[in-house]
Each structure stands twice: as structure tokens, then as C-alpha cells.
Amino acid sequence: MLSLPCFAELSDDEVEQTAAAVRKACERPVTTTAEALKQRLAGEPIVGLIGLGYVGLPLAVAFAESGATVIGVDLDARRVAAVRRGRRASSRTCPRSSSPGRVRAGRLSASVDIGRWKDADAIVICVPTPLGKSKEPDISFIVGARRRRGRR
């Protein structure tokens, strides 16, 4: 933080030194949060994704095809095992059969351990949001995913 004394108390040299310090501070580029995220994701990002169902798995494959490393997490151990074998858990899960190549290439991994996300640049949550009796979405799966992530 740059502190500026009262200019009335400064000599001409001190005023010029202070002005030079202010100019130098203003030369530094200002990075917004969006710009910082864009820079992190520009290279080879690591994406954490929870929920490897019919929304999450195709999205994970798409991220992997784009060059990202994807760490997929699902509470269903059978689904995780299927993804690790390069298979889809059901025909509804992932219509494309491109996940085997991504798994072999190391771009897509699956786990039941949410702690694997410690190095992720971004987290994507793909969990069910069924409608309740009043036709309002039940967001308890989202809240649960966030809580599990928060404990790590």
C-alpha cells in the first residue's frame, strides 16, 4: 500500500519522488478475477467435476477433448469403475464412446475421493436437481456436494 504524505510538507524533490512512485504503481496491470481465471484455464487446466451421470460424463469427456485434465468424482463406485475401464455406466450416461481414449491418455480420471480435487483450477457440479411436490428444484444434492468439497 502506498501512503501519501501531505504535499504541503514536502520539498520539490519529495513531491517528484512521490509522483514517480504513484506513476510506477499505476503501470502494474490490474487483473480482475475473470482475467485471472481465464489465464489459469488458458494452458492445460485441471477441472474437478462431481457427478459422472448423463450430464457430468459427457461434459467431462468434452473438457478432456479440449485439452483439460479432468478429475471426475462420483459417489457411485460402479459408475467410477465403469469410467476407469473406459466404459459408460449406461447408454443414457454418455452417447459417445470417446471416454476410453481420454482415460488412457490420462486426461480423464474417476474417483470416489473428492480430495483428489486439491489441484483443480475449476470445479463443476453436475448432480440431480429433481423437482419436489411444489415443483421447486430440490438443491440438496448441490448443497451436499458443496459441503463435501468444503471439508477438504
Protein backbone atom coordinates (compact mmCIF):
# COMPACT_ATOMS: atom_id res chain seq x y z
CA MET A 1 0.00 0.00 0.00
CA LEU A 2 1.33 3.40 -0.96
CA SER A 3 0.91 6.10 1.68
CA LEU A 4 0.99 9.70 0.56
CA PRO A 5 2.10 12.43 2.98
CA CYS A 6 0.58 15.90 2.86
CA PHE A 7 2.11 17.65 -0.18
CA ALA A 8 2.39 20.98 1.70
CA GLU A 9 5.04 19.41 3.94
CA LEU A 10 7.18 18.05 1.05
CA SER A 11 10.10 19.56 -0.80
CA ASP A 12 10.01 19.69 -4.60
CA ASP A 13 12.26 16.61 -4.76
CA GLU A 14 9.99 14.68 -2.39
CA VAL A 15 6.93 15.65 -4.46
CA GLU A 16 8.65 14.36 -7.61
CA GLN A 17 9.69 11.12 -5.86
CA THR A 18 6.13 10.59 -4.64
CA ALA A 19 4.71 11.31 -8.11
CA ALA A 20 7.20 8.84 -9.64
CA ALA A 21 6.11 6.16 -7.12
CA VAL A 22 2.45 6.76 -7.99
CA ARG A 23 3.19 6.52 -11.74
CA LYS A 24 5.10 3.27 -11.20
CA ALA A 25 2.26 1.79 -9.13
CA CYS A 26 -0.23 2.69 -11.87
CA GLU A 27 1.86 0.91 -14.53
CA ARG A 28 1.17 -2.51 -13.00
CA PRO A 29 -1.60 -4.31 -14.86
CA VAL A 30 -4.80 -4.75 -12.92
CA THR A 31 -6.05 -8.32 -13.11
CA THR A 32 -9.71 -8.98 -12.46
CA THR A 33 -10.90 -12.30 -11.09
CA ALA A 34 -12.29 -13.21 -14.52
CA GLU A 35 -8.96 -12.40 -16.19
CA ALA A 36 -7.06 -14.44 -13.61
CA LEU A 37 -9.36 -17.42 -14.18
CA LYS A 38 -9.02 -17.05 -17.94
CA GLN A 39 -5.22 -17.14 -17.60
CA ARG A 40 -5.34 -20.25 -15.38
CA LEU A 41 -7.61 -22.05 -17.82
CA ALA A 42 -5.73 -20.96 -20.97
CA GLY A 43 -2.99 -23.60 -20.75
CA GLU A 44 -3.76 -27.11 -19.62
CA PRO A 45 -6.31 -26.66 -16.85
CA ILE A 46 -7.32 -29.24 -14.29
CA VAL A 47 -11.09 -29.47 -13.93
CA GLY A 48 -12.77 -31.19 -10.98
CA LEU A 49 -16.23 -32.50 -11.82
CA ILE A 50 -18.69 -34.09 -9.40
CA GLY A 51 -21.39 -36.30 -10.85
CA LEU A 52 -20.49 -38.65 -13.73
CA GLY A 53 -24.07 -39.26 -14.84
CA TYR A 54 -25.81 -38.37 -18.09
CA VAL A 55 -24.82 -34.69 -17.75
CA GLY A 56 -21.45 -34.92 -16.00
CA LEU A 57 -19.75 -37.66 -18.04
CA PRO A 58 -20.34 -36.11 -21.49
CA LEU A 59 -19.19 -32.77 -20.06
CA ALA A 60 -16.08 -34.42 -18.57
CA VAL A 61 -15.31 -36.01 -21.95
CA ALA A 62 -15.76 -32.66 -23.71
CA PHE A 63 -13.40 -30.95 -21.26
CA ALA A 64 -10.85 -33.75 -21.77
CA GLU A 65 -11.16 -33.47 -25.56
CA SER A 66 -10.48 -29.73 -25.28
CA GLY A 67 -7.14 -30.43 -23.59
CA ALA A 68 -8.11 -30.18 -19.92
CA THR A 69 -7.24 -32.82 -17.37
CA VAL A 70 -10.49 -33.88 -15.72
CA ILE A 71 -10.83 -35.42 -12.26
CA GLY A 72 -14.34 -36.86 -12.14
CA VAL A 73 -15.84 -37.73 -8.77
CA ASP A 74 -18.99 -39.74 -8.18
CA LEU A 75 -20.34 -41.43 -5.05
CA ASP A 76 -21.42 -44.46 -7.12
CA ALA A 77 -18.40 -46.80 -7.11
CA ARG A 78 -19.83 -48.83 -10.02
CA ARG A 79 -20.03 -45.71 -12.17
CA VAL A 80 -16.46 -44.76 -11.22
CA ALA A 81 -15.23 -48.26 -12.09
CA ALA A 82 -17.01 -48.11 -15.46
CA VAL A 83 -15.39 -44.77 -16.31
CA ARG A 84 -11.97 -46.09 -15.27
CA ARG A 85 -12.46 -49.00 -17.67
CA GLY A 86 -13.38 -46.53 -20.39
CA ARG A 87 -17.00 -47.59 -20.38
CA ARG A 88 -20.20 -45.73 -19.71
CA ALA A 89 -22.43 -46.79 -16.86
CA SER A 90 -25.49 -46.87 -19.15
CA SER A 91 -26.41 -45.89 -22.70
CA ARG A 92 -28.07 -42.81 -21.23
CA THR A 93 -24.86 -41.73 -19.49
CA CYS A 94 -22.66 -40.91 -22.44
CA PRO A 95 -23.77 -41.44 -26.02
CA ARG A 96 -20.23 -41.03 -27.35
CA SER A 97 -17.68 -43.76 -26.83
CA SER A 98 -14.74 -41.36 -26.69
CA SER A 99 -14.06 -41.73 -22.97
CA PRO A 100 -11.75 -44.80 -23.32
CA GLY A 101 -9.15 -42.82 -25.24
CA ARG A 102 -9.34 -39.93 -22.78
CA VAL A 103 -8.87 -42.32 -19.84
CA ARG A 104 -5.86 -43.96 -21.50
CA ALA A 105 -4.38 -40.56 -22.37
CA GLY A 106 -4.60 -39.53 -18.71
CA ARG A 107 -6.98 -36.69 -19.49
CA LEU A 108 -9.94 -38.21 -17.66
CA SER A 109 -9.83 -39.97 -14.32
CA ALA A 110 -12.59 -41.05 -11.96
CA SER A 111 -12.67 -41.46 -8.21
CA VAL A 112 -14.98 -41.58 -5.22
CA ASP A 113 -12.48 -39.37 -3.34
CA ILE A 114 -13.34 -35.68 -3.57
CA GLY A 115 -9.91 -34.90 -2.07
CA ARG A 116 -8.38 -35.52 -5.49
CA TRP A 117 -9.54 -32.01 -6.41
CA LYS A 118 -6.87 -30.26 -4.37
CA ASP A 119 -5.05 -29.09 -7.53
CA ALA A 120 -8.15 -28.29 -9.62
CA ASP A 121 -8.35 -24.91 -11.34
CA ALA A 122 -12.15 -25.10 -11.60
CA ILE A 123 -14.91 -27.22 -10.06
CA VAL A 124 -18.09 -28.18 -11.93
CA ILE A 125 -21.06 -29.68 -10.08
CA CYS A 126 -23.34 -31.97 -12.14
CA VAL A 127 -25.75 -33.53 -9.67
CA PRO A 128 -29.51 -34.13 -9.81
CA THR A 129 -31.95 -31.33 -9.02
CA PRO A 130 -35.29 -33.16 -9.00
CA LEU A 131 -38.48 -31.22 -8.62
CA GLY A 132 -40.28 -31.52 -5.29
CA LYS A 133 -44.04 -31.69 -4.70
CA SER A 134 -44.35 -27.94 -5.16
CA LYS A 135 -42.38 -28.09 -8.45
CA GLU A 136 -39.41 -26.32 -6.85
CA PRO A 137 -35.98 -27.82 -7.55
CA ASP A 138 -34.50 -29.85 -4.72
CA ILE A 139 -30.98 -28.45 -4.40
CA SER A 140 -29.93 -30.74 -1.54
CA PHE A 141 -27.54 -32.62 -3.87
CA ILE A 142 -25.81 -29.35 -4.77
CA VAL A 143 -25.58 -28.33 -1.12
CA GLY A 144 -24.24 -31.78 -0.23
CA ALA A 145 -21.60 -31.60 -2.98
CA ARG A 146 -20.54 -28.15 -1.78
CA ARG A 147 -20.32 -29.35 1.84
CA ARG A 148 -18.19 -32.35 0.86
CA ARG A 149 -15.91 -30.05 -1.13
CA GLY A 150 -15.73 -27.59 1.77
CA ARG A 151 -14.45 -30.23 4.18
CA ARG A 152 -11.33 -30.81 2.07
